[in-house]
Structures are given as C-alpha cells and as structure tokens.
C-alpha cells in the first residue's frame, strides 16, 4: 500500500538492538529535517540516540496506545515507564490520537502540553468504501457481527467469544477477520463454548471491509488501544461500533457521530446487553458512512502538511 514514489530503506535487522547502529548510519546519510517514529520502544531509542544524529534534526514521536493501559501490559513495563518519564520530554513534538492520550502524557509523564499535537488517524474512506461495496454477509435472518485485528491478547478476542456465547441468540453469527498466534486457542475456545458453528475465522485478507460492511455491528473487545483503526474503518463502511472503554479514544468520537453509531460499554454483561440490542439490517448493501470528517485522509494530510510547513 506504500506508493512507489516513497523511498524505503530496510535495515535488514531482526531486532531493535541490532538496528541501532544501522539506523543511526541511515539517518546520518539521509540528513532528514524531521524523523517521525510511531512505536514506543523505537521512540525511546531515537530520543536516546539524539546526540549521534545530525545537528538540528527534529524528532517527532507518535504514541500508538494509551500509556496507562498499554505500559502495564509490557514485559518491561518499569523500564518503559521510566523511559517515557525521562525521554518524552525531550521530543520536539509528541503526536497523540486522542485527548485522553494527550492528558495522560501531560499528567503522568510530565510532557509539556505545548509540544503535543492531536492528529486523527487517517482513513482512506473512498478506497475503503470502493472495496467494501462487494458486501459479504452470511446467509440467514439473524444478527451478523464482525470483528477484525491481530489474534493477540491485546485485541481481546478470547473475551469476545465468551461474551458471544452468553448472547443466547441461536441465529446470530460472528465473523473474525485476522490472523495471529492465538488462532488455534481461539478456535478451541469457540468449540468448548459450543459456538464453533456460529463463529467463522476468516483469516488475513486484503479486503476486510467487505466483511465489515455485511455486519449489523462491529465489535471491539480490546484490552488496550490508542485510536483503533478497525473501528474507524467500520464506521466508514456505515457499520455501528460496540467497544470497550479500554479501546482508546473511540469514545471521544461518539459525540461526532449519529446516535447509536458508537456504543462504549464495559466487557462482560453490559457488552452482551449492547449486542442484544442490535437488530438485523437489510444486508447486501453498503450503508452511508458514519465516519466523522476529521478522520478522512485528505483532512489529516492537510493538517500534517501544515505542521511540516511550520518547521520549514
């Protein structure tokens, strides 16, 4: 999906530790005005390596997840938290995807508010809707749910299966798009819960949006997020979202969408009740987008371009 006009430089390394020297060499050769990083551990490495980068190089770091939830789930949570406290204050700019994330960085890590900018995650609405137009919806009259993401603990698909099993609606079906190390375990869990025939694991696909478009609701059971792209893409497909409070800034856009487009409820019985309130749609047709305008690709690109011009 990266345009051919964008130059890419692969370090051909398998870990951050092995990437440090090649990364410094690459940056020194390229002499960029701004280095933009979007993974927490890479952000910390870049800020620590700043003395070895070309003089005057700006370092912009983007935080991908809510620190209050993501850091405690990191294997090296103490070191990561210490790194955030010591390093993030030295970034020239810190990019957040939500107000909640910004406030956490200010209050918990002492980041200067003037260094922080909020940038919505960009959604290529036109491309997504073009691909979603080939709607896929399983046969039957019952409610159809969809979920998508990497099959890892963070995404909470294990607790989604448990909640779906408590739904008590025999003709409801759930499609999960994505792949990951928990696939076999999730399949076994679905079988143990007696819902294997009503849950389909679609695997990885280049077009998850046609599955989203065929659903009556998109389910986001994540244990932690920043601003979940999958939920934004579901809204672009015209599909309402039911999400957990841990799913990052998704709750902030509820006020920007029509009533019922975004429902945020605790995992467990409240989530199950929200699923029960979903009624089957007509299916087979792409519904009007529910995505707030500020998340559209052109709007986000314009904002980022303005920031780059500020540093020219």
C-alpha atoms as a PDB file:
ATOM      1  CA  UNK A   1       0.000   0.000   0.000  1.00  0.00           C
ATOM      2  CA  UNK A   2       3.055   2.292   0.124  1.00  0.00           C
ATOM      3  CA  UNK A   3       3.269   4.350  -3.097  1.00  0.00           C
ATOM      4  CA  UNK A   4       6.280   3.585  -5.263  1.00  0.00           C
ATOM      5  CA  UNK A   5       7.286   7.242  -5.114  1.00  0.00           C
ATOM      6  CA  UNK A   6       8.099   6.815  -1.407  1.00  0.00           C
ATOM      7  CA  UNK A   7      11.713   5.723  -0.892  1.00  0.00           C
ATOM      8  CA  UNK A   8      12.116   2.862   1.583  1.00  0.00           C
ATOM      9  CA  UNK A   9      15.317   1.810   3.345  1.00  0.00           C
ATOM     10  CA  UNK A  10      15.276  -1.600   5.007  1.00  0.00           C
ATOM     11  CA  UNK A  11      17.858  -2.083   7.757  1.00  0.00           C
ATOM     12  CA  UNK A  12      17.644  -5.888   7.264  1.00  0.00           C
ATOM     13  CA  UNK A  13      17.822  -6.476  11.007  1.00  0.00           C
ATOM     14  CA  UNK A  14      15.705  -8.661  13.245  1.00  0.00           C
ATOM     15  CA  UNK A  15      15.574  -6.628  16.451  1.00  0.00           C
ATOM     16  CA  UNK A  16      15.850  -3.089  17.762  1.00  0.00           C
ATOM     17  CA  UNK A  17      19.185  -3.886  19.432  1.00  0.00           C
ATOM     18  CA  UNK A  18      20.688  -4.874  16.094  1.00  0.00           C
ATOM     19  CA  UNK A  19      19.089  -1.885  14.385  1.00  0.00           C
ATOM     20  CA  UNK A  20      20.623   0.878  16.484  1.00  0.00           C
ATOM     21  CA  UNK A  21      23.882   1.338  14.575  1.00  0.00           C
ATOM     22  CA  UNK A  22      22.369   0.833  11.083  1.00  0.00           C
ATOM     23  CA  UNK A  23      19.550   3.244  11.981  1.00  0.00           C
ATOM     24  CA  UNK A  24      21.975   5.958  13.076  1.00  0.00           C
ATOM     25  CA  UNK A  25      24.061   5.453   9.934  1.00  0.00           C
ATOM     26  CA  UNK A  26      20.942   5.671   7.717  1.00  0.00           C
ATOM     27  CA  UNK A  27      19.723   8.857   9.377  1.00  0.00           C
ATOM     28  CA  UNK A  28      23.147  10.462   9.178  1.00  0.00           C
ATOM     29  CA  UNK A  29      23.312   9.615   5.468  1.00  0.00           C
ATOM     30  CA  UNK A  30      19.812  10.903   4.712  1.00  0.00           C
ATOM     31  CA  UNK A  31      20.139  14.059   6.855  1.00  0.00           C
ATOM     32  CA  UNK A  32      16.365  14.461   7.294  1.00  0.00           C
ATOM     33  CA  UNK A  33      14.855  17.628   8.712  1.00  0.00           C
ATOM     34  CA  UNK A  34      12.390  15.568  10.771  1.00  0.00           C
ATOM     35  CA  UNK A  35      12.482  11.954  11.958  1.00  0.00           C
ATOM     36  CA  UNK A  36       8.953  10.656  12.674  1.00  0.00           C
ATOM     37  CA  UNK A  37       8.572   7.491  14.757  1.00  0.00           C
ATOM     38  CA  UNK A  38       5.421   5.679  15.816  1.00  0.00           C
ATOM     39  CA  UNK A  39       6.421   2.728  18.061  1.00  0.00           C
ATOM     40  CA  UNK A  40       7.038   3.363  21.747  1.00  0.00           C
ATOM     41  CA  UNK A  41      10.280   1.397  22.066  1.00  0.00           C
ATOM     42  CA  UNK A  42      11.660   2.911  18.839  1.00  0.00           C
ATOM     43  CA  UNK A  43      10.643   6.364  20.074  1.00  0.00           C
ATOM     44  CA  UNK A  44      12.728   5.856  23.220  1.00  0.00           C
ATOM     45  CA  UNK A  45      15.703   4.562  21.237  1.00  0.00           C
ATOM     46  CA  UNK A  46      15.659   7.543  18.877  1.00  0.00           C
ATOM     47  CA  UNK A  47      15.466  10.047  21.709  1.00  0.00           C
ATOM     48  CA  UNK A  48      18.368   8.332  23.494  1.00  0.00           C
ATOM     49  CA  UNK A  49      20.423   8.382  20.276  1.00  0.00           C
ATOM     50  CA  UNK A  50      19.782  12.053  19.611  1.00  0.00           C
ATOM     51  CA  UNK A  51      23.411  13.148  20.316  1.00  0.00           C
ATOM     52  CA  UNK A  52      24.552  10.906  17.447  1.00  0.00           C
ATOM     53  CA  UNK A  53      22.097  12.285  14.882  1.00  0.00           C
ATOM     54  CA  UNK A  54      22.827  15.226  12.570  1.00  0.00           C
ATOM     55  CA  UNK A  55      22.690  18.543  14.386  1.00  0.00           C
ATOM     56  CA  UNK A  56      19.293  20.218  14.154  1.00  0.00           C
ATOM     57  CA  UNK A  57      17.353  17.025  13.343  1.00  0.00           C
ATOM     58  CA  UNK A  58      13.840  17.214  14.742  1.00  0.00           C
ATOM     59  CA  UNK A  59      12.417  14.098  16.418  1.00  0.00           C
ATOM     60  CA  UNK A  60       8.648  13.703  16.319  1.00  0.00           C
ATOM     61  CA  UNK A  61       7.225  10.708  18.169  1.00  0.00           C
ATOM     62  CA  UNK A  62       3.719   9.346  17.861  1.00  0.00           C
ATOM     63  CA  UNK A  63       2.152   7.412  20.721  1.00  0.00           C
ATOM     64  CA  UNK A  64       0.152   4.466  19.402  1.00  0.00           C
ATOM     65  CA  UNK A  65      -1.626   3.276  22.575  1.00  0.00           C
ATOM     66  CA  UNK A  66      -2.964   4.651  25.833  1.00  0.00           C
ATOM     67  CA  UNK A  67       0.091   4.513  28.148  1.00  0.00           C
ATOM     68  CA  UNK A  68      -1.999   3.905  31.287  1.00  0.00           C
ATOM     69  CA  UNK A  69      -3.198   0.592  29.862  1.00  0.00           C
ATOM     70  CA  UNK A  70      -0.509  -0.456  27.385  1.00  0.00           C
ATOM     71  CA  UNK A  71       2.587   0.043  29.566  1.00  0.00           C
ATOM     72  CA  UNK A  72       1.427  -2.226  32.442  1.00  0.00           C
ATOM     73  CA  UNK A  73       0.964  -4.959  29.832  1.00  0.00           C
ATOM     74  CA  UNK A  74       4.520  -4.546  28.522  1.00  0.00           C
ATOM     75  CA  UNK A  75       7.071  -7.155  29.568  1.00  0.00           C
ATOM     76  CA  UNK A  76       9.460  -4.378  30.586  1.00  0.00           C
ATOM     77  CA  UNK A  77       6.791  -2.073  31.983  1.00  0.00           C
ATOM     78  CA  UNK A  78       9.017  -0.485  34.652  1.00  0.00           C
ATOM     79  CA  UNK A  79      11.791   0.350  32.185  1.00  0.00           C
ATOM     80  CA  UNK A  80       9.307   1.578  29.582  1.00  0.00           C
ATOM     81  CA  UNK A  81       7.604   3.846  32.094  1.00  0.00           C
ATOM     82  CA  UNK A  82      10.963   5.212  33.236  1.00  0.00           C
ATOM     83  CA  UNK A  83      11.924   5.772  29.615  1.00  0.00           C
ATOM     84  CA  UNK A  84       8.722   7.715  28.963  1.00  0.00           C
ATOM     85  CA  UNK A  85       9.351   9.872  32.027  1.00  0.00           C
ATOM     86  CA  UNK A  86      12.923  10.678  31.009  1.00  0.00           C
ATOM     87  CA  UNK A  87      12.767  10.766  27.209  1.00  0.00           C
ATOM     88  CA  UNK A  88       9.393  12.015  26.002  1.00  0.00           C
ATOM     89  CA  UNK A  89      10.011  15.460  27.455  1.00  0.00           C
ATOM     90  CA  UNK A  90      12.923  15.756  25.011  1.00  0.00           C
ATOM     91  CA  UNK A  91      10.883  15.110  21.880  1.00  0.00           C
ATOM     92  CA  UNK A  92      10.363  18.122  19.626  1.00  0.00           C
ATOM     93  CA  UNK A  93       6.791  17.053  19.065  1.00  0.00           C
ATOM     94  CA  UNK A  94       4.599  14.311  20.514  1.00  0.00           C
ATOM     95  CA  UNK A  95       1.688  13.180  18.345  1.00  0.00           C
ATOM     96  CA  UNK A  96      -1.422  11.777  20.037  1.00  0.00           C
ATOM     97  CA  UNK A  97      -4.566  10.328  18.520  1.00  0.00           C
ATOM     98  CA  UNK A  98      -6.953  11.413  21.280  1.00  0.00           C
ATOM     99  CA  UNK A  99      -7.478  13.982  24.018  1.00  0.00           C
ATOM    100  CA  UNK A 100      -7.363  11.215  26.616  1.00  0.00           C
ATOM    101  CA  UNK A 101      -3.912  10.168  25.437  1.00  0.00           C
ATOM    102  CA  UNK A 102      -2.652  13.754  25.497  1.00  0.00           C
ATOM    103  CA  UNK A 103      -3.902  14.255  29.045  1.00  0.00           C
ATOM    104  CA  UNK A 104      -2.195  11.065  30.234  1.00  0.00           C
ATOM    105  CA  UNK A 105       1.149  12.152  28.785  1.00  0.00           C
ATOM    106  CA  UNK A 106       0.856  15.563  30.442  1.00  0.00           C
ATOM    107  CA  UNK A 107      -0.342  14.353  33.838  1.00  0.00           C
ATOM    108  CA  UNK A 108       1.544  11.064  34.202  1.00  0.00           C
ATOM    109  CA  UNK A 109       4.780  11.753  32.327  1.00  0.00           C
ATOM    110  CA  UNK A 110       5.240  15.492  32.573  1.00  0.00           C
ATOM    111  CA  UNK A 111       5.276  16.130  28.825  1.00  0.00           C
ATOM    112  CA  UNK A 112       4.958  19.834  28.038  1.00  0.00           C
ATOM    113  CA  UNK A 113       1.463  20.378  26.628  1.00  0.00           C
ATOM    114  CA  UNK A 114       2.848  22.839  24.054  1.00  0.00           C
ATOM    115  CA  UNK A 115       4.890  20.025  22.488  1.00  0.00           C
ATOM    116  CA  UNK A 116       1.839  17.813  21.974  1.00  0.00           C
ATOM    117  CA  UNK A 117      -0.385  17.759  18.904  1.00  0.00           C
ATOM    118  CA  UNK A 118      -3.512  15.680  18.337  1.00  0.00           C
ATOM    119  CA  UNK A 119      -3.659  14.059  14.913  1.00  0.00           C
ATOM    120  CA  UNK A 120      -6.635  11.871  13.969  1.00  0.00           C
ATOM    121  CA  UNK A 121      -5.802   8.518  12.436  1.00  0.00           C
ATOM    122  CA  UNK A 122      -6.271   8.928   8.666  1.00  0.00           C
ATOM    123  CA  UNK A 123      -8.887   6.764   6.958  1.00  0.00           C
ATOM    124  CA  UNK A 124      -8.955   6.456   3.177  1.00  0.00           C
ATOM    125  CA  UNK A 125     -12.723   6.494   3.115  1.00  0.00           C
ATOM    126  CA  UNK A 126     -13.108   6.467  -0.678  1.00  0.00           C
ATOM    127  CA  UNK A 127     -10.851   3.440  -1.151  1.00  0.00           C
ATOM    128  CA  UNK A 128     -12.430   1.544   1.736  1.00  0.00           C
ATOM    129  CA  UNK A 129     -15.959   2.123   0.502  1.00  0.00           C
ATOM    130  CA  UNK A 130     -14.995   1.130  -3.023  1.00  0.00           C
ATOM    131  CA  UNK A 131     -13.652  -2.203  -1.731  1.00  0.00           C
ATOM    132  CA  UNK A 132     -16.484  -2.658   0.780  1.00  0.00           C
ATOM    133  CA  UNK A 133     -19.070  -2.384  -1.979  1.00  0.00           C
ATOM    134  CA  UNK A 134     -18.696  -6.150  -2.568  1.00  0.00           C
ATOM    135  CA  UNK A 135     -20.581  -6.824   0.666  1.00  0.00           C
ATOM    136  CA  UNK A 136     -20.135 -10.268   2.241  1.00  0.00           C
ATOM    137  CA  UNK A 137     -22.916 -11.349   4.597  1.00  0.00           C
ATOM    138  CA  UNK A 138     -23.576 -14.910   5.681  1.00  0.00           C
ATOM    139  CA  UNK A 139     -26.960 -16.347   4.850  1.00  0.00           C
ATOM    140  CA  UNK A 140     -29.756 -16.242   7.390  1.00  0.00           C
ATOM    141  CA  UNK A 141     -32.015 -13.756   9.140  1.00  0.00           C
ATOM    142  CA  UNK A 142     -30.159 -13.369  12.429  1.00  0.00           C
ATOM    143  CA  UNK A 143     -27.852 -10.607  13.594  1.00  0.00           C
ATOM    144  CA  UNK A 144     -24.426 -10.592  11.992  1.00  0.00           C
ATOM    145  CA  UNK A 145     -21.432  -9.325  13.966  1.00  0.00           C
ATOM    146  CA  UNK A 146     -17.908  -8.682  12.717  1.00  0.00           C
ATOM    147  CA  UNK A 147     -14.552  -8.136  14.431  1.00  0.00           C
ATOM    148  CA  UNK A 148     -11.084  -7.655  12.987  1.00  0.00           C
ATOM    149  CA  UNK A 149      -7.488  -7.461  14.129  1.00  0.00           C
ATOM    150  CA  UNK A 150      -4.400  -9.420  15.059  1.00  0.00           C
ATOM    151  CA  UNK A 151      -5.238 -12.522  17.073  1.00  0.00           C
ATOM    152  CA  UNK A 152      -3.271 -11.493  20.148  1.00  0.00           C
ATOM    153  CA  UNK A 153      -4.223 -10.909  23.781  1.00  0.00           C
ATOM    154  CA  UNK A 154      -4.393  -7.123  23.354  1.00  0.00           C
ATOM    155  CA  UNK A 155      -7.359  -7.406  20.986  1.00  0.00           C
ATOM    156  CA  UNK A 156      -9.489  -9.354  23.466  1.00  0.00           C
ATOM    157  CA  UNK A 157     -10.981 -11.907  21.083  1.00  0.00           C
ATOM    158  CA  UNK A 158     -10.973 -14.524  23.847  1.00  0.00           C
ATOM    159  CA  UNK A 159     -13.326 -12.465  25.972  1.00  0.00           C
ATOM    160  CA  UNK A 160     -15.372 -11.615  22.876  1.00  0.00           C
ATOM    161  CA  UNK A 161     -16.048 -15.311  22.305  1.00  0.00           C
ATOM    162  CA  UNK A 162     -17.119 -15.694  25.934  1.00  0.00           C
ATOM    163  CA  UNK A 163     -19.500 -12.745  25.631  1.00  0.00           C
ATOM    164  CA  UNK A 164     -20.869 -14.001  22.312  1.00  0.00           C
ATOM    165  CA  UNK A 165     -21.568 -17.370  23.929  1.00  0.00           C
ATOM    166  CA  UNK A 166     -23.690 -15.592  26.574  1.00  0.00           C
ATOM    167  CA  UNK A 167     -25.737 -13.774  23.944  1.00  0.00           C
ATOM    168  CA  UNK A 168     -28.334 -16.538  23.877  1.00  0.00           C
ATOM    169  CA  UNK A 169     -29.373 -15.871  20.270  1.00  0.00           C
ATOM    170  CA  UNK A 170     -29.120 -19.032  18.219  1.00  0.00           C
ATOM    171  CA  UNK A 171     -29.244 -17.417  14.791  1.00  0.00           C
ATOM    172  CA  UNK A 172     -26.582 -14.760  15.498  1.00  0.00           C
ATOM    173  CA  UNK A 173     -23.211 -15.192  13.805  1.00  0.00           C
ATOM    174  CA  UNK A 174     -19.766 -13.685  14.351  1.00  0.00           C
ATOM    175  CA  UNK A 175     -17.045 -13.252  11.711  1.00  0.00           C
ATOM    176  CA  UNK A 176     -13.497 -12.589  12.923  1.00  0.00           C
ATOM    177  CA  UNK A 177     -11.068 -11.284  10.313  1.00  0.00           C
ATOM    178  CA  UNK A 178      -7.355 -11.569  11.043  1.00  0.00           C
ATOM    179  CA  UNK A 179      -4.572 -13.966  11.918  1.00  0.00           C
ATOM    180  CA  UNK A 180      -2.130 -14.393  14.761  1.00  0.00           C
ATOM    181  CA  UNK A 181      -0.637 -16.731  17.367  1.00  0.00           C
ATOM    182  CA  UNK A 182      -3.915 -17.184  19.268  1.00  0.00           C
ATOM    183  CA  UNK A 183      -5.826 -18.661  16.305  1.00  0.00           C
ATOM    184  CA  UNK A 184      -5.750 -22.309  17.411  1.00  0.00           C
ATOM    185  CA  UNK A 185      -6.532 -21.378  21.006  1.00  0.00           C
ATOM    186  CA  UNK A 186      -9.479 -19.236  19.945  1.00  0.00           C
ATOM    187  CA  UNK A 187     -10.831 -21.984  17.713  1.00  0.00           C
ATOM    188  CA  UNK A 188     -10.592 -24.415  20.621  1.00  0.00           C
ATOM    189  CA  UNK A 189     -12.323 -21.910  22.919  1.00  0.00           C
ATOM    190  CA  UNK A 190     -15.179 -21.467  20.432  1.00  0.00           C
ATOM    191  CA  UNK A 191     -15.610 -25.238  20.323  1.00  0.00           C
ATOM    192  CA  UNK A 192     -15.527 -25.516  24.118  1.00  0.00           C
ATOM    193  CA  UNK A 193     -18.160 -22.782  24.429  1.00  0.00           C
ATOM    194  CA  UNK A 194     -20.392 -24.561  21.918  1.00  0.00           C
ATOM    195  CA  UNK A 195     -20.398 -21.710  19.398  1.00  0.00           C
ATOM    196  CA  UNK A 196     -17.971 -23.054  16.782  1.00  0.00           C
ATOM    197  CA  UNK A 197     -20.734 -23.357  14.181  1.00  0.00           C
ATOM    198  CA  UNK A 198     -21.704 -19.699  14.631  1.00  0.00           C
ATOM    199  CA  UNK A 199     -18.182 -18.231  14.612  1.00  0.00           C
ATOM    200  CA  UNK A 200     -16.132 -18.025  11.439  1.00  0.00           C
ATOM    201  CA  UNK A 201     -12.413 -17.246  11.450  1.00  0.00           C
ATOM    202  CA  UNK A 202     -11.813 -15.569   8.095  1.00  0.00           C
ATOM    203  CA  UNK A 203      -8.025 -15.315   8.404  1.00  0.00           C
ATOM    204  CA  UNK A 204      -5.974 -12.483   6.940  1.00  0.00           C
ATOM    205  CA  UNK A 205      -7.421 -10.740   3.908  1.00  0.00           C
ATOM    206  CA  UNK A 206      -6.505  -7.702   1.832  1.00  0.00           C
ATOM    207  CA  UNK A 207     -10.152  -6.663   1.934  1.00  0.00           C
ATOM    208  CA  UNK A 208     -11.598  -6.922   5.455  1.00  0.00           C
ATOM    209  CA  UNK A 209     -14.035  -4.113   4.678  1.00  0.00           C
ATOM    210  CA  UNK A 210     -16.438  -6.255   2.661  1.00  0.00           C
ATOM    211  CA  UNK A 211     -16.884  -8.378   5.810  1.00  0.00           C
ATOM    212  CA  UNK A 212     -17.399  -5.264   7.951  1.00  0.00           C
ATOM    213  CA  UNK A 213     -19.971  -3.882   5.515  1.00  0.00           C
ATOM    214  CA  UNK A 214     -22.041  -7.054   5.784  1.00  0.00           C
ATOM    215  CA  UNK A 215     -22.305  -6.843   9.574  1.00  0.00           C
ATOM    216  CA  UNK A 216     -25.011  -5.251  11.688  1.00  0.00           C
ATOM    217  CA  UNK A 217     -22.416  -4.156  14.249  1.00  0.00           C
ATOM    218  CA  UNK A 218     -18.639  -4.160  14.562  1.00  0.00           C
ATOM    219  CA  UNK A 219     -17.308  -5.430  17.903  1.00  0.00           C
ATOM    220  CA  UNK A 220     -14.157  -4.060  19.527  1.00  0.00           C
ATOM    221  CA  UNK A 221     -13.311  -6.001  22.717  1.00  0.00           C
ATOM    222  CA  UNK A 222      -9.708  -4.716  23.028  1.00  0.00           C
ATOM    223  CA  UNK A 223      -7.843  -4.641  26.334  1.00  0.00           C
ATOM    224  CA  UNK A 224      -5.911  -1.557  25.221  1.00  0.00           C
ATOM    225  CA  UNK A 225      -5.710   0.652  22.139  1.00  0.00           C
ATOM    226  CA  UNK A 226      -4.824   4.164  21.034  1.00  0.00           C
ATOM    227  CA  UNK A 227      -7.375   5.080  18.380  1.00  0.00           C
ATOM    228  CA  UNK A 228      -8.478   1.783  16.798  1.00  0.00           C
ATOM    229  CA  UNK A 229      -8.294   1.960  13.008  1.00  0.00           C
ATOM    230  CA  UNK A 230     -10.570  -1.050  12.555  1.00  0.00           C
ATOM    231  CA  UNK A 231     -13.409   0.757  14.346  1.00  0.00           C
ATOM    232  CA  UNK A 232     -12.903   3.883  12.230  1.00  0.00           C
ATOM    233  CA  UNK A 233     -12.955   1.769   9.087  1.00  0.00           C
ATOM    234  CA  UNK A 234     -16.158   0.049  10.205  1.00  0.00           C
ATOM    235  CA  UNK A 235     -17.756   3.473  10.643  1.00  0.00           C
ATOM    236  CA  UNK A 236     -16.591   4.364   7.125  1.00  0.00           C
ATOM    237  CA  UNK A 237     -18.496   1.285   5.968  1.00  0.00           C
ATOM    238  CA  UNK A 238     -21.624   2.577   7.714  1.00  0.00           C
ATOM    239  CA  UNK A 239     -21.473  -0.049  10.481  1.00  0.00           C
ATOM    240  CA  UNK A 240     -22.133   0.876  14.154  1.00  0.00           C
ATOM    241  CA  UNK A 241     -19.416   0.016  16.681  1.00  0.00           C
ATOM    242  CA  UNK A 242     -19.648  -1.541  20.143  1.00  0.00           C
ATOM    243  CA  UNK A 243     -16.377  -1.059  22.037  1.00  0.00           C
ATOM    244  CA  UNK A 244     -14.829  -1.451  25.469  1.00  0.00           C
ATOM    245  CA  UNK A 245     -13.661   1.647  27.430  1.00  0.00           C
ATOM    246  CA  UNK A 246     -10.076   0.361  27.116  1.00  0.00           C
ATOM    247  CA  UNK A 247     -10.301   0.759  23.346  1.00  0.00           C
ATOM    248  CA  UNK A 248      -8.546   4.114  23.405  1.00  0.00           C
ATOM    249  CA  UNK A 249     -10.113   7.296  22.087  1.00  0.00           C
ATOM    250  CA  UNK A 250     -13.069   5.699  20.327  1.00  0.00           C
ATOM    251  CA  UNK A 251     -15.406   7.112  22.997  1.00  0.00           C
ATOM    252  CA  UNK A 252     -14.377  10.663  22.050  1.00  0.00           C
ATOM    253  CA  UNK A 253     -15.899  10.390  18.593  1.00  0.00           C
ATOM    254  CA  UNK A 254     -19.316   9.251  19.838  1.00  0.00           C
ATOM    255  CA  UNK A 255     -20.416  12.903  20.026  1.00  0.00           C
ATOM    256  CA  UNK A 256     -19.397  13.394  16.387  1.00  0.00           C
ATOM    257  CA  UNK A 257     -21.447  10.501  15.030  1.00  0.00           C
ATOM    258  CA  UNK A 258     -25.205   9.860  14.800  1.00  0.00           C
ATOM    259  CA  UNK A 259     -26.908   8.423  17.916  1.00  0.00           C
ATOM    260  CA  UNK A 260     -26.143   4.728  18.293  1.00  0.00           C
ATOM    261  CA  UNK A 261     -23.166   4.754  15.922  1.00  0.00           C
ATOM    262  CA  UNK A 262     -20.660   4.272  18.767  1.00  0.00           C
ATOM    263  CA  UNK A 263     -21.512   2.423  21.982  1.00  0.00           C
ATOM    264  CA  UNK A 264     -18.857   2.134  24.695  1.00  0.00           C
ATOM    265  CA  UNK A 265     -19.579  -0.387  27.464  1.00  0.00           C
ATOM    266  CA  UNK A 266     -17.593  -2.485  29.909  1.00  0.00           C
ATOM    267  CA  UNK A 267     -16.631  -6.006  28.852  1.00  0.00           C
ATOM    268  CA  UNK A 268     -18.981  -8.542  30.361  1.00  0.00           C
ATOM    269  CA  UNK A 269     -22.726  -8.373  30.825  1.00  0.00           C
ATOM    270  CA  UNK A 270     -23.007  -4.741  29.677  1.00  0.00           C
ATOM    271  CA  UNK A 271     -21.306  -5.643  26.407  1.00  0.00           C
ATOM    272  CA  UNK A 272     -23.617  -8.635  25.983  1.00  0.00           C
ATOM    273  CA  UNK A 273     -26.678  -6.418  26.539  1.00  0.00           C
ATOM    274  CA  UNK A 274     -25.420  -3.955  23.934  1.00  0.00           C
ATOM    275  CA  UNK A 275     -25.073  -6.838  21.464  1.00  0.00           C
ATOM    276  CA  UNK A 276     -28.637  -7.952  22.232  1.00  0.00           C
ATOM    277  CA  UNK A 277     -29.963  -4.526  21.259  1.00  0.00           C
ATOM    278  CA  UNK A 278     -28.570  -4.863  17.733  1.00  0.00           C
ATOM    279  CA  UNK A 279     -31.220  -5.668  15.155  1.00  0.00           C
ATOM    280  CA  UNK A 280     -30.573  -7.345  11.786  1.00  0.00           C
ATOM    281  CA  UNK A 281     -30.074  -4.904   8.935  1.00  0.00           C
ATOM    282  CA  UNK A 282     -31.123  -5.354   5.352  1.00  0.00           C
ATOM    283  CA  UNK A 283     -27.644  -6.632   4.416  1.00  0.00           C
ATOM    284  CA  UNK A 284     -26.214  -6.833   0.966  1.00  0.00           C
ATOM    285  CA  UNK A 285     -25.970  -3.067   0.545  1.00  0.00           C
ATOM    286  CA  UNK A 286     -23.280  -0.581   1.551  1.00  0.00           C
ATOM    287  CA  UNK A 287     -24.747   1.901   4.022  1.00  0.00           C
ATOM    288  CA  UNK A 288     -23.863   5.620   4.257  1.00  0.00           C
ATOM    289  CA  UNK A 289     -20.607   6.402   6.053  1.00  0.00           C
ATOM    290  CA  UNK A 290     -20.681   7.186   9.780  1.00  0.00           C
ATOM    291  CA  UNK A 291     -17.081   8.418   9.890  1.00  0.00           C
ATOM    292  CA  UNK A 292     -16.562  11.975  11.230  1.00  0.00           C
ATOM    293  CA  UNK A 293     -14.987  14.220   8.544  1.00  0.00           C
ATOM    294  CA  UNK A 294     -11.809  14.980  10.524  1.00  0.00           C
ATOM    295  CA  UNK A 295     -10.653  11.361  10.137  1.00  0.00           C
ATOM    296  CA  UNK A 296     -10.785  11.445   6.359  1.00  0.00           C
ATOM    297  CA  UNK A 297      -7.430  11.064   4.670  1.00  0.00           C
ATOM    298  CA  UNK A 298      -7.351  14.446   2.954  1.00  0.00           C
ATOM    299  CA  UNK A 299      -8.134  16.310   6.183  1.00  0.00           C
ATOM    300  CA  UNK A 300      -5.381  14.548   8.172  1.00  0.00           C
ATOM    301  CA  UNK A 301      -2.806  15.013   5.392  1.00  0.00           C
ATOM    302  CA  UNK A 302      -3.588  18.725   5.195  1.00  0.00           C
ATOM    303  CA  UNK A 303      -3.078  19.063   8.953  1.00  0.00           C
ATOM    304  CA  UNK A 304       0.241  17.218   8.873  1.00  0.00           C
ATOM    305  CA  UNK A 305       1.438  19.279   5.919  1.00  0.00           C
ATOM    306  CA  UNK A 306       0.712  22.459   7.852  1.00  0.00           C
ATOM    307  CA  UNK A 307       2.822  21.195  10.749  1.00  0.00           C
ATOM    308  CA  UNK A 308       5.717  20.421   8.398  1.00  0.00           C
ATOM    309  CA  UNK A 309       5.492  23.915   6.931  1.00  0.00           C
ATOM    310  CA  UNK A 310       5.742  25.359  10.441  1.00  0.00           C
ATOM    311  CA  UNK A 311       9.225  23.832  10.727  1.00  0.00           C
ATOM    312  CA  UNK A 312      10.391  24.890   7.253  1.00  0.00           C
END
